[in-house]
Amino acid sequence: MTSIKKSLEGLKSTTQASSKGFADSAVQAAQDAVQQVAESAKESTSAAADEALKQTQTAISTTAEKASDAIKDFGQKLGPK
């Protein structure tokens, strides 16, 4: 009877340790997944910001060129006749 009790206690201890190990692994996997999502979001946000900056700079450059051309045309129209 004592050996059965010891066996059951050993099984209980092994089961508890196994459950704790599984739970710890699951928590670690979840933390890793959250970290990966956060890093991916950060990279995506940075890439989007870079693209927005590039497009803004292009728009400003294009607008400045058009304004310069318009000023030149206006100046030529005002020039000596």
C-alpha atoms as a PDB file:
ATOM      1  CA  MET A   1       0.000   0.000   0.000  1.00  0.00           C
ATOM      2  CA  THR A   2       2.859   2.337   0.810  1.00  0.00           C
ATOM      3  CA  SER A   3       4.468   1.768  -2.583  1.00  0.00           C
ATOM      4  CA  ILE A   4       1.192   2.573  -4.362  1.00  0.00           C
ATOM      5  CA  LYS A   5       0.910   5.776  -2.339  1.00  0.00           C
ATOM      6  CA  LYS A   6       4.512   6.705  -3.182  1.00  0.00           C
ATOM      7  CA  SER A   7       3.886   5.937  -6.839  1.00  0.00           C
ATOM      8  CA  LEU A   8       0.781   8.110  -6.882  1.00  0.00           C
ATOM      9  CA  GLU A   9       2.634  10.934  -5.138  1.00  0.00           C
ATOM     10  CA  GLY A  10       5.449  10.616  -7.658  1.00  0.00           C
ATOM     11  CA  LEU A  11       2.946  10.659 -10.512  1.00  0.00           C
ATOM     12  CA  LYS A  12       1.261  13.700  -9.005  1.00  0.00           C
ATOM     13  CA  SER A  13       4.592  15.479  -8.659  1.00  0.00           C
ATOM     14  CA  THR A  14       5.585  14.588 -12.223  1.00  0.00           C
ATOM     15  CA  THR A  15       2.219  15.733 -13.549  1.00  0.00           C
ATOM     16  CA  GLN A  16       2.464  19.034 -11.689  1.00  0.00           C
ATOM     17  CA  ALA A  17       5.988  19.658 -12.943  1.00  0.00           C
ATOM     18  CA  SER A  18       4.963  18.765 -16.470  1.00  0.00           C
ATOM     19  CA  SER A  19       1.926  21.053 -16.287  1.00  0.00           C
ATOM     20  CA  LYS A  20       4.044  23.905 -14.964  1.00  0.00           C
ATOM     21  CA  GLY A  21       6.599  23.363 -17.711  1.00  0.00           C
ATOM     22  CA  PHE A  22       3.867  23.354 -20.342  1.00  0.00           C
ATOM     23  CA  ALA A  23       2.306  26.507 -18.913  1.00  0.00           C
ATOM     24  CA  ASP A  24       5.689  28.247 -18.773  1.00  0.00           C
ATOM     25  CA  SER A  25       6.357  27.274 -22.381  1.00  0.00           C
ATOM     26  CA  ALA A  26       2.944  28.521 -23.472  1.00  0.00           C
ATOM     27  CA  VAL A  27       3.468  31.842 -21.696  1.00  0.00           C
ATOM     28  CA  GLN A  28       6.914  32.226 -23.264  1.00  0.00           C
ATOM     29  CA  ALA A  29       5.532  31.440 -26.723  1.00  0.00           C
ATOM     30  CA  ALA A  30       2.772  34.023 -26.244  1.00  0.00           C
ATOM     31  CA  GLN A  31       5.282  36.635 -25.088  1.00  0.00           C
ATOM     32  CA  ASP A  32       7.487  35.896 -28.111  1.00  0.00           C
ATOM     33  CA  ALA A  33       4.521  36.227 -30.451  1.00  0.00           C
ATOM     34  CA  VAL A  34       3.512  39.570 -28.930  1.00  0.00           C
ATOM     35  CA  GLN A  35       7.099  40.800 -29.228  1.00  0.00           C
ATOM     36  CA  GLN A  36       7.252  39.781 -32.896  1.00  0.00           C
ATOM     37  CA  VAL A  37       3.965  41.543 -33.639  1.00  0.00           C
ATOM     38  CA  ALA A  38       5.196  44.680 -31.865  1.00  0.00           C
ATOM     39  CA  GLU A  39       8.458  44.666 -33.826  1.00  0.00           C
ATOM     40  CA  SER A  40       6.612  44.085 -37.085  1.00  0.00           C
ATOM     41  CA  ALA A  41       4.221  46.951 -36.341  1.00  0.00           C
ATOM     42  CA  LYS A  42       7.148  49.206 -35.499  1.00  0.00           C
ATOM     43  CA  GLU A  43       8.871  48.322 -38.784  1.00  0.00           C
ATOM     44  CA  SER A  44       5.661  48.837 -40.757  1.00  0.00           C
ATOM     45  CA  THR A  45       5.035  52.193 -39.119  1.00  0.00           C
ATOM     46  CA  SER A  46       8.592  53.282 -39.817  1.00  0.00           C
ATOM     47  CA  ALA A  47       8.354  52.192 -43.458  1.00  0.00           C
ATOM     48  CA  ALA A  48       5.033  54.016 -43.859  1.00  0.00           C
ATOM     49  CA  ALA A  49       6.482  57.170 -42.316  1.00  0.00           C
ATOM     50  CA  ASP A  50       9.502  56.977 -44.624  1.00  0.00           C
ATOM     51  CA  GLU A  51       7.250  56.569 -47.653  1.00  0.00           C
ATOM     52  CA  ALA A  52       5.034  59.470 -46.565  1.00  0.00           C
ATOM     53  CA  LEU A  53       8.112  61.678 -46.127  1.00  0.00           C
ATOM     54  CA  LYS A  54       9.403  60.686 -49.573  1.00  0.00           C
ATOM     55  CA  GLN A  55       6.044  61.469 -51.193  1.00  0.00           C
ATOM     56  CA  THR A  56       5.812  64.788 -49.354  1.00  0.00           C
ATOM     57  CA  GLN A  57       9.301  65.788 -50.479  1.00  0.00           C
ATOM     58  CA  THR A  58       8.432  64.857 -54.072  1.00  0.00           C
ATOM     59  CA  ALA A  59       5.209  66.878 -53.936  1.00  0.00           C
ATOM     60  CA  ILE A  60       7.026  69.900 -52.507  1.00  0.00           C
ATOM     61  CA  SER A  61       9.716  69.655 -55.166  1.00  0.00           C
ATOM     62  CA  THR A  62       7.172  69.372 -57.972  1.00  0.00           C
ATOM     63  CA  THR A  63       5.169  72.307 -56.628  1.00  0.00           C
ATOM     64  CA  ALA A  64       8.316  74.427 -56.286  1.00  0.00           C
ATOM     65  CA  GLU A  65       9.308  73.656 -59.883  1.00  0.00           C
ATOM     66  CA  LYS A  66       5.847  74.606 -61.156  1.00  0.00           C
ATOM     67  CA  ALA A  67       5.899  77.820 -59.130  1.00  0.00           C
ATOM     68  CA  SER A  68       9.350  78.673 -60.485  1.00  0.00           C
ATOM     69  CA  ASP A  69       8.194  78.035 -64.071  1.00  0.00           C
ATOM     70  CA  ALA A  70       5.101  80.199 -63.509  1.00  0.00           C
ATOM     71  CA  ILE A  71       7.234  83.043 -62.139  1.00  0.00           C
ATOM     72  CA  LYS A  72       9.599  82.786 -65.129  1.00  0.00           C
ATOM     73  CA  ASP A  73       6.651  82.855 -67.544  1.00  0.00           C
ATOM     74  CA  PHE A  74       5.163  85.854 -65.765  1.00  0.00           C
ATOM     75  CA  GLY A  75       8.532  87.626 -65.837  1.00  0.00           C
ATOM     76  CA  GLN A  76       8.881  87.002 -69.555  1.00  0.00           C
ATOM     77  CA  LYS A  77       5.410  88.439 -70.161  1.00  0.00           C
ATOM     78  CA  LEU A  78       6.369  91.582 -68.234  1.00  0.00           C
ATOM     79  CA  GLY A  79       9.687  91.899 -70.050  1.00  0.00           C
ATOM     80  CA  PRO A  80      10.463  94.478 -72.719  1.00  0.00           C
ATOM     81  CA  LYS A  81       8.157  94.481 -75.689  1.00  0.00           C
END
